[in-house]
Amino acid sequence: MKYLIWFLRVLLFLVLLGFAIKNTDPVAVRFYLGGEWEAPLVFVLLVAFVVGAAAGIAASLGVVFRKRREMAGLRKELRARSTEQPR
């Protein structure tokens, strides 16, 4: 199983490397107010992917922290109930 996972990782790396090599042409990304950024296409795609992933993670952080607080409160309540003496 380990070898299969490593094979798939190497295969994915080689596919992405081939994609990067084929897409090195410079592209211009134009912003509002006349701003412009010129970079290789593969770099622009990588930046867009990283920004999207970071935005997704940032959007889910509120839910994650809220659930952690809720779990901490429930654990505290459970500990308090387990230390109570039965009546």
C-alpha atoms as a PDB file:
ATOM      1  CA  MET A   1       0.000   0.000   0.000  1.00  0.00           C
ATOM      2  CA  LYS A   2       2.889   2.342   0.819  1.00  0.00           C
ATOM      3  CA  TYR A   3       4.396   1.811  -2.615  1.00  0.00           C
ATOM      4  CA  LEU A   4       1.090   2.510  -4.335  1.00  0.00           C
ATOM      5  CA  ILE A   5       0.710   5.818  -2.486  1.00  0.00           C
ATOM      6  CA  TRP A   6       4.280   6.827  -3.350  1.00  0.00           C
ATOM      7  CA  PHE A   7       3.712   5.846  -6.980  1.00  0.00           C
ATOM      8  CA  LEU A   8       0.592   8.013  -7.119  1.00  0.00           C
ATOM      9  CA  ARG A   9       2.452  10.942  -5.525  1.00  0.00           C
ATOM     10  CA  VAL A  10       5.289  10.687  -8.045  1.00  0.00           C
ATOM     11  CA  LEU A  11       2.789  10.393 -10.891  1.00  0.00           C
ATOM     12  CA  LEU A  12       0.894  13.480  -9.686  1.00  0.00           C
ATOM     13  CA  PHE A  13       4.167  15.387  -9.335  1.00  0.00           C
ATOM     14  CA  LEU A  14       5.218  14.470 -12.868  1.00  0.00           C
ATOM     15  CA  VAL A  15       1.834  15.489 -14.305  1.00  0.00           C
ATOM     16  CA  LEU A  16       1.984  18.849 -12.498  1.00  0.00           C
ATOM     17  CA  LEU A  17       5.606  19.350 -13.550  1.00  0.00           C
ATOM     18  CA  GLY A  18       4.664  18.698 -17.173  1.00  0.00           C
ATOM     19  CA  PHE A  19       1.793  21.166 -16.851  1.00  0.00           C
ATOM     20  CA  ALA A  20       4.153  23.782 -15.409  1.00  0.00           C
ATOM     21  CA  ILE A  21       6.711  23.261 -18.177  1.00  0.00           C
ATOM     22  CA  LYS A  22       4.060  23.597 -20.897  1.00  0.00           C
ATOM     23  CA  ASN A  23       2.580  26.823 -19.441  1.00  0.00           C
ATOM     24  CA  THR A  24       5.532  29.171 -19.019  1.00  0.00           C
ATOM     25  CA  ASP A  25       4.274  31.861 -21.387  1.00  0.00           C
ATOM     26  CA  PRO A  26       3.959  35.269 -19.721  1.00  0.00           C
ATOM     27  CA  VAL A  27       0.456  36.576 -19.113  1.00  0.00           C
ATOM     28  CA  ALA A  28      -0.707  39.993 -17.977  1.00  0.00           C
ATOM     29  CA  VAL A  29      -3.155  40.186 -15.099  1.00  0.00           C
ATOM     30  CA  ARG A  30      -4.923  43.530 -15.197  1.00  0.00           C
ATOM     31  CA  PHE A  31      -6.384  45.060 -12.055  1.00  0.00           C
ATOM     32  CA  TYR A  32      -8.695  48.004 -11.567  1.00  0.00           C
ATOM     33  CA  LEU A  33      -7.282  51.540 -11.722  1.00  0.00           C
ATOM     34  CA  GLY A  34      -4.711  50.587 -14.344  1.00  0.00           C
ATOM     35  CA  GLY A  35      -2.696  48.113 -12.299  1.00  0.00           C
ATOM     36  CA  GLU A  36      -1.048  45.304 -14.220  1.00  0.00           C
ATOM     37  CA  TRP A  37       1.049  42.283 -13.227  1.00  0.00           C
ATOM     38  CA  GLU A  38       2.953  40.148 -15.712  1.00  0.00           C
ATOM     39  CA  ALA A  39       4.098  36.645 -14.730  1.00  0.00           C
ATOM     40  CA  PRO A  40       4.255  33.117 -16.168  1.00  0.00           C
ATOM     41  CA  LEU A  41       0.844  31.481 -16.521  1.00  0.00           C
ATOM     42  CA  VAL A  42       1.679  28.592 -14.214  1.00  0.00           C
ATOM     43  CA  PHE A  43       2.710  31.038 -11.463  1.00  0.00           C
ATOM     44  CA  VAL A  44      -0.511  33.025 -11.845  1.00  0.00           C
ATOM     45  CA  LEU A  45      -2.519  29.784 -11.571  1.00  0.00           C
ATOM     46  CA  LEU A  46      -0.557  28.739  -8.476  1.00  0.00           C
ATOM     47  CA  VAL A  47      -1.159  32.112  -6.823  1.00  0.00           C
ATOM     48  CA  ALA A  48      -4.883  31.918  -7.636  1.00  0.00           C
ATOM     49  CA  PHE A  49      -5.060  28.407  -6.146  1.00  0.00           C
ATOM     50  CA  VAL A  50      -3.231  29.435  -2.962  1.00  0.00           C
ATOM     51  CA  VAL A  51      -5.398  32.539  -2.511  1.00  0.00           C
ATOM     52  CA  GLY A  52      -8.556  30.455  -2.987  1.00  0.00           C
ATOM     53  CA  ALA A  53      -7.399  27.794  -0.531  1.00  0.00           C
ATOM     54  CA  ALA A  54      -6.474  30.458   2.040  1.00  0.00           C
ATOM     55  CA  ALA A  55      -9.876  32.117   1.625  1.00  0.00           C
ATOM     56  CA  GLY A  56     -11.616  28.769   2.133  1.00  0.00           C
ATOM     57  CA  ILE A  57      -9.612  28.026   5.256  1.00  0.00           C
ATOM     58  CA  ALA A  58     -10.234  31.513   6.637  1.00  0.00           C
ATOM     59  CA  ALA A  59     -13.966  31.131   6.001  1.00  0.00           C
ATOM     60  CA  SER A  60     -14.103  27.873   7.961  1.00  0.00           C
ATOM     61  CA  LEU A  61     -12.046  29.061  10.941  1.00  0.00           C
ATOM     62  CA  GLY A  62     -15.033  30.693  12.637  1.00  0.00           C
ATOM     63  CA  VAL A  63     -16.986  27.436  12.614  1.00  0.00           C
ATOM     64  CA  VAL A  64     -13.981  25.435  13.819  1.00  0.00           C
ATOM     65  CA  PHE A  65     -13.301  27.733  16.770  1.00  0.00           C
ATOM     66  CA  ARG A  66     -16.981  27.850  17.697  1.00  0.00           C
ATOM     67  CA  LYS A  67     -17.141  24.031  17.741  1.00  0.00           C
ATOM     68  CA  ARG A  68     -13.949  23.838  19.828  1.00  0.00           C
ATOM     69  CA  ARG A  69     -15.438  26.214  22.397  1.00  0.00           C
ATOM     70  CA  GLU A  70     -18.639  24.173  22.473  1.00  0.00           C
ATOM     71  CA  MET A  71     -16.695  20.918  22.950  1.00  0.00           C
ATOM     72  CA  ALA A  72     -14.612  22.456  25.747  1.00  0.00           C
ATOM     73  CA  GLY A  73     -17.787  23.553  27.528  1.00  0.00           C
ATOM     74  CA  LEU A  74     -19.353  20.106  27.135  1.00  0.00           C
ATOM     75  CA  ARG A  75     -16.198  18.416  28.467  1.00  0.00           C
ATOM     76  CA  LYS A  76     -16.204  20.749  31.458  1.00  0.00           C
ATOM     77  CA  GLU A  77     -19.859  19.968  32.093  1.00  0.00           C
ATOM     78  CA  LEU A  78     -19.167  16.226  31.780  1.00  0.00           C
ATOM     79  CA  ARG A  79     -16.283  16.440  34.281  1.00  0.00           C
ATOM     80  CA  ALA A  80     -18.482  18.386  36.685  1.00  0.00           C
ATOM     81  CA  ARG A  81     -21.234  15.767  36.435  1.00  0.00           C
ATOM     82  CA  SER A  82     -18.832  12.859  36.871  1.00  0.00           C
ATOM     83  CA  THR A  83     -17.336  14.331  40.062  1.00  0.00           C
ATOM     84  CA  GLU A  84     -20.766  14.941  41.627  1.00  0.00           C
ATOM     85  CA  GLN A  85     -21.752  12.471  44.301  1.00  0.00           C
ATOM     86  CA  PRO A  86     -24.717  10.269  43.461  1.00  0.00           C
ATOM     87  CA  ARG A  87     -27.819  11.011  45.557  1.00  0.00           C
END
